[in-house]
């Protein structure tokens, strides 16, 4: 399969405005990661624009499960925006630190709970895709392919990453790097070539973010 088949063919059936919206969502997503690297609070307003657009895009494509997850990302971005606003002396930049033992435990619990919740969403996805009507609907996980199962896993990874970022913890970048790498082939498979390129850029930026945050962090010590 060549470049045209992977990245261009899926867009032949798209409306022009759908391509434009995906491109705009991608641009704001990249801006959000850039501001995150700089520890700049603009990470959240730009991120909200990106995730909100993806909510609309995924709804139009009938990917309601993915849409609900992006809605959660939008809500989490608002939560992070509030936390960063309270922690910033100049209302723009914040200080970062390493996660404590308690925060790692909470992150592990959040990961497991997220796996369960996203799996439940996919269990009810036939009902959701049928516009919340049970007529001729069979619930279950039988409809999931490898990309869907990866989506369950990466969503849990990203939710932990978002929480750690909201808490201004350096380790958030580790979760973004892992999730971004997994999403590159997954988005190509789903026919969202522009978004797959976005995740490739995200991976490189997340590595840069980890290095940048690590340089400016408070001393690394274990806190109970």
Protein backbone atom coordinates (compact mmCIF):
# COMPACT_ATOMS: atom_id res chain seq x y z
CA UNK A 1 0.00 0.00 0.00
CA UNK A 2 1.51 3.35 -1.08
CA UNK A 3 1.31 6.90 0.29
CA UNK A 4 -1.70 7.77 -1.86
CA UNK A 5 -3.70 4.79 -0.60
CA UNK A 6 -2.83 5.46 3.03
CA UNK A 7 -3.22 9.24 3.23
CA UNK A 8 -5.16 10.53 0.21
CA UNK A 9 -7.70 7.90 -0.83
CA UNK A 10 -9.77 8.13 2.40
CA UNK A 11 -10.23 11.87 1.83
CA UNK A 12 -11.76 11.43 -1.62
CA UNK A 13 -15.13 10.81 0.01
CA UNK A 14 -14.82 13.70 2.51
CA UNK A 15 -16.46 17.08 2.17
CA UNK A 16 -13.99 19.99 1.85
CA UNK A 17 -15.09 21.49 5.17
CA UNK A 18 -14.37 18.18 6.93
CA UNK A 19 -10.78 18.22 5.67
CA UNK A 20 -10.40 21.88 6.70
CA UNK A 21 -11.76 21.19 10.20
CA UNK A 22 -9.39 18.23 10.68
CA UNK A 23 -6.46 20.40 9.53
CA UNK A 24 -7.45 23.20 11.94
CA UNK A 25 -7.86 20.71 14.80
CA UNK A 26 -4.40 19.35 13.99
CA UNK A 27 -2.80 22.82 13.95
CA UNK A 28 -4.30 23.75 17.32
CA UNK A 29 -3.30 20.36 18.70
CA UNK A 30 0.31 21.01 17.73
CA UNK A 31 0.13 24.52 19.20
CA UNK A 32 -1.19 23.03 22.42
CA UNK A 33 1.79 20.67 22.72
CA UNK A 34 4.17 23.55 21.92
CA UNK A 35 2.72 25.67 24.73
CA UNK A 36 2.89 22.68 27.04
CA UNK A 37 6.62 22.31 26.35
CA UNK A 38 7.05 25.98 27.25
CA UNK A 39 5.00 25.47 30.46
CA UNK A 40 2.67 28.13 29.10
CA UNK A 41 -0.98 28.15 30.18
CA UNK A 42 -2.06 28.63 26.55
CA UNK A 43 -1.68 24.86 26.29
CA UNK A 44 -5.27 24.62 27.48
CA UNK A 45 -7.24 27.11 25.34
CA UNK A 46 -5.52 25.83 22.18
CA UNK A 47 -6.04 22.23 23.32
CA UNK A 48 -9.73 22.87 23.99
CA UNK A 49 -10.21 24.20 20.45
CA UNK A 50 -8.53 21.07 19.04
CA UNK A 51 -10.46 18.53 21.11
CA UNK A 52 -13.77 20.37 20.68
CA UNK A 53 -13.31 20.26 16.90
CA UNK A 54 -12.55 16.54 17.09
CA UNK A 55 -15.78 16.05 19.03
CA UNK A 56 -17.65 17.53 16.06
CA UNK A 57 -15.56 15.67 13.46
CA UNK A 58 -15.98 12.28 15.14
CA UNK A 59 -19.71 12.86 15.65
CA UNK A 60 -20.14 13.48 11.92
CA UNK A 61 -18.24 10.27 11.14
CA UNK A 62 -20.48 8.32 13.49
CA UNK A 63 -17.58 7.53 15.84
CA UNK A 64 -19.61 8.36 18.92
CA UNK A 65 -17.46 6.40 21.34
CA UNK A 66 -14.37 8.32 20.24
CA UNK A 67 -16.41 11.52 20.33
CA UNK A 68 -17.33 10.96 23.99
CA UNK A 69 -13.67 10.40 24.84
CA UNK A 70 -12.66 13.66 23.16
CA UNK A 71 -15.42 15.38 25.07
CA UNK A 72 -13.77 14.06 28.23
CA UNK A 73 -10.44 15.46 27.01
CA UNK A 74 -12.11 18.86 26.63
CA UNK A 75 -13.47 18.72 30.17
CA UNK A 76 -10.06 17.63 31.52
CA UNK A 77 -8.45 20.56 29.69
CA UNK A 78 -10.77 22.96 31.50
CA UNK A 79 -9.79 21.28 34.79
CA UNK A 80 -6.10 21.61 33.95
CA UNK A 81 -6.57 25.25 32.92
CA UNK A 82 -8.05 26.02 36.34
CA UNK A 83 -5.21 24.23 38.19
CA UNK A 84 -2.51 25.95 36.15
CA UNK A 85 -4.18 29.35 36.66
CA UNK A 86 -4.07 28.88 40.42
CA UNK A 87 -0.43 27.74 40.34
CA UNK A 88 0.97 30.43 38.05
CA UNK A 89 2.42 33.60 39.55
CA UNK A 90 2.38 35.49 36.26
CA UNK A 91 -0.83 33.74 35.05
CA UNK A 92 1.13 32.38 32.07
CA UNK A 93 3.94 30.04 33.16
CA UNK A 94 4.08 27.35 35.83
CA UNK A 95 6.71 25.41 37.78
CA UNK A 96 6.98 21.65 37.24
CA UNK A 97 8.08 18.75 39.45
CA UNK A 98 8.36 14.95 39.62
CA UNK A 99 5.39 12.83 40.67
CA UNK A 100 5.22 11.63 44.27
CA UNK A 101 4.60 8.03 45.30
CA UNK A 102 0.96 8.84 46.11
CA UNK A 103 0.48 10.44 42.70
CA UNK A 104 1.91 7.34 41.00
CA UNK A 105 -0.53 5.16 42.93
CA UNK A 106 -3.41 7.42 41.91
CA UNK A 107 -2.17 7.37 38.30
CA UNK A 108 -2.20 3.56 38.35
CA UNK A 109 -5.75 3.49 39.70
CA UNK A 110 -6.82 6.07 37.11
CA UNK A 111 -5.31 3.93 34.36
CA UNK A 112 -7.21 0.81 35.45
CA UNK A 113 -10.49 2.70 35.93
CA UNK A 114 -10.06 4.33 32.51
CA UNK A 115 -9.52 0.94 30.86
CA UNK A 116 -12.76 -0.31 32.40
CA UNK A 117 -14.78 2.80 31.53
CA UNK A 118 -13.58 2.95 27.91
CA UNK A 119 -14.28 -0.77 27.50
CA UNK A 120 -17.81 -0.15 28.81
CA UNK A 121 -18.23 2.67 26.26
CA UNK A 122 -17.25 0.26 23.48
CA UNK A 123 -19.58 -2.39 24.90
CA UNK A 124 -22.47 0.04 24.43
CA UNK A 125 -21.09 1.48 21.17
CA UNK A 126 -23.68 -0.35 18.98
CA UNK A 127 -26.37 1.34 21.08
CA UNK A 128 -24.61 4.72 20.83
CA UNK A 129 -24.05 4.39 17.07
CA UNK A 130 -27.76 3.56 16.69
CA UNK A 131 -28.56 6.99 18.11
CA UNK A 132 -29.27 5.58 21.57
CA UNK A 133 -31.96 3.20 20.36
CA UNK A 134 -31.96 -0.51 21.28
CA UNK A 135 -33.90 -1.63 18.20
CA UNK A 136 -31.94 -4.32 16.29
CA UNK A 137 -28.90 -3.70 18.48
CA UNK A 138 -26.68 -6.40 19.98
CA UNK A 139 -24.45 -5.17 22.77
CA UNK A 140 -20.95 -6.53 23.31
CA UNK A 141 -17.32 -6.29 22.25
CA UNK A 142 -17.66 -8.52 19.18
CA UNK A 143 -17.38 -5.54 16.84
CA UNK A 144 -13.93 -4.44 18.04
CA UNK A 145 -10.90 -4.82 15.80
CA UNK A 146 -7.24 -4.37 16.74
CA UNK A 147 -7.46 -0.59 16.29
CA UNK A 148 -10.40 -0.37 18.70
CA UNK A 149 -8.54 -2.37 21.36
CA UNK A 150 -5.51 -0.13 20.89
CA UNK A 151 -7.85 2.84 21.26
CA UNK A 152 -9.02 1.48 24.63
CA UNK A 153 -5.40 1.18 25.76
CA UNK A 154 -4.20 4.54 24.41
CA UNK A 155 -7.20 6.37 25.82
CA UNK A 156 -6.30 5.15 29.32
CA UNK A 157 -2.69 6.21 28.68
CA UNK A 158 -3.74 9.68 27.55
CA UNK A 159 -6.13 10.18 30.46
CA UNK A 160 -3.28 9.51 32.89
CA UNK A 161 -1.05 11.81 30.84
CA UNK A 162 -3.63 14.59 30.98
CA UNK A 163 -4.02 14.23 34.73
CA UNK A 164 -0.25 14.32 35.30
CA UNK A 165 0.04 17.35 33.02
CA UNK A 166 -2.72 19.12 34.96
CA UNK A 167 -0.68 18.39 38.12
CA UNK A 168 2.42 19.73 36.32
CA UNK A 169 4.34 16.45 36.65
CA UNK A 170 7.27 15.69 34.33
CA UNK A 171 6.23 12.07 33.89
CA UNK A 172 3.19 13.16 31.86
CA UNK A 173 5.45 13.26 28.79
CA UNK A 174 6.27 9.55 29.10
CA UNK A 175 2.59 8.72 28.72
CA UNK A 176 2.18 11.10 25.77
CA UNK A 177 5.19 9.59 23.97
CA UNK A 178 3.90 6.04 24.38
CA UNK A 179 0.33 6.93 23.39
CA UNK A 180 1.39 9.04 20.40
CA UNK A 181 3.55 6.24 19.00
CA UNK A 182 0.65 3.80 19.19
CA UNK A 183 -1.78 6.28 17.60
CA UNK A 184 0.24 6.82 14.41
CA UNK A 185 -0.68 3.49 12.74
CA UNK A 186 -4.09 3.47 14.39
CA UNK A 187 -5.13 6.78 12.80
CA UNK A 188 -3.85 5.68 9.38
CA UNK A 189 -6.03 2.57 9.72
CA UNK A 190 -9.04 4.73 10.62
CA UNK A 191 -8.54 6.86 7.49
CA UNK A 192 -7.42 9.99 9.35
CA UNK A 193 -4.08 10.56 7.63
CA UNK A 194 -3.72 14.19 8.69
CA UNK A 195 -4.26 13.17 12.30
CA UNK A 196 -1.66 10.39 12.02
CA UNK A 197 0.92 12.97 10.89
CA UNK A 198 -0.14 15.09 13.86
CA UNK A 199 0.69 12.21 16.22
CA UNK A 200 4.08 11.78 14.55
CA UNK A 201 4.81 15.44 15.25
CA UNK A 202 3.40 15.01 18.76
CA UNK A 203 5.88 12.20 19.45
CA UNK A 204 8.88 14.36 18.57
CA UNK A 205 7.46 17.29 20.54
CA UNK A 206 6.73 15.09 23.56
CA UNK A 207 10.37 13.94 23.63
CA UNK A 208 11.44 17.60 23.49
CA UNK A 209 8.90 18.42 26.23
CA UNK A 210 10.28 15.74 28.53
CA UNK A 211 13.83 17.03 28.07
CA UNK A 212 12.75 20.65 28.59
CA UNK A 213 10.68 19.97 31.70
CA UNK A 214 13.38 17.75 33.19
CA UNK A 215 15.95 20.55 32.86
CA UNK A 216 13.80 23.08 34.70
CA UNK A 217 12.31 20.74 37.32
CA UNK A 218 12.64 20.86 41.04
CA UNK A 219 15.12 18.30 42.48
CA UNK A 220 13.91 14.72 42.08
CA UNK A 221 13.11 13.18 45.45
CA UNK A 222 10.57 10.60 46.53
CA UNK A 223 7.72 11.97 48.61
CA UNK A 224 5.46 9.62 50.55
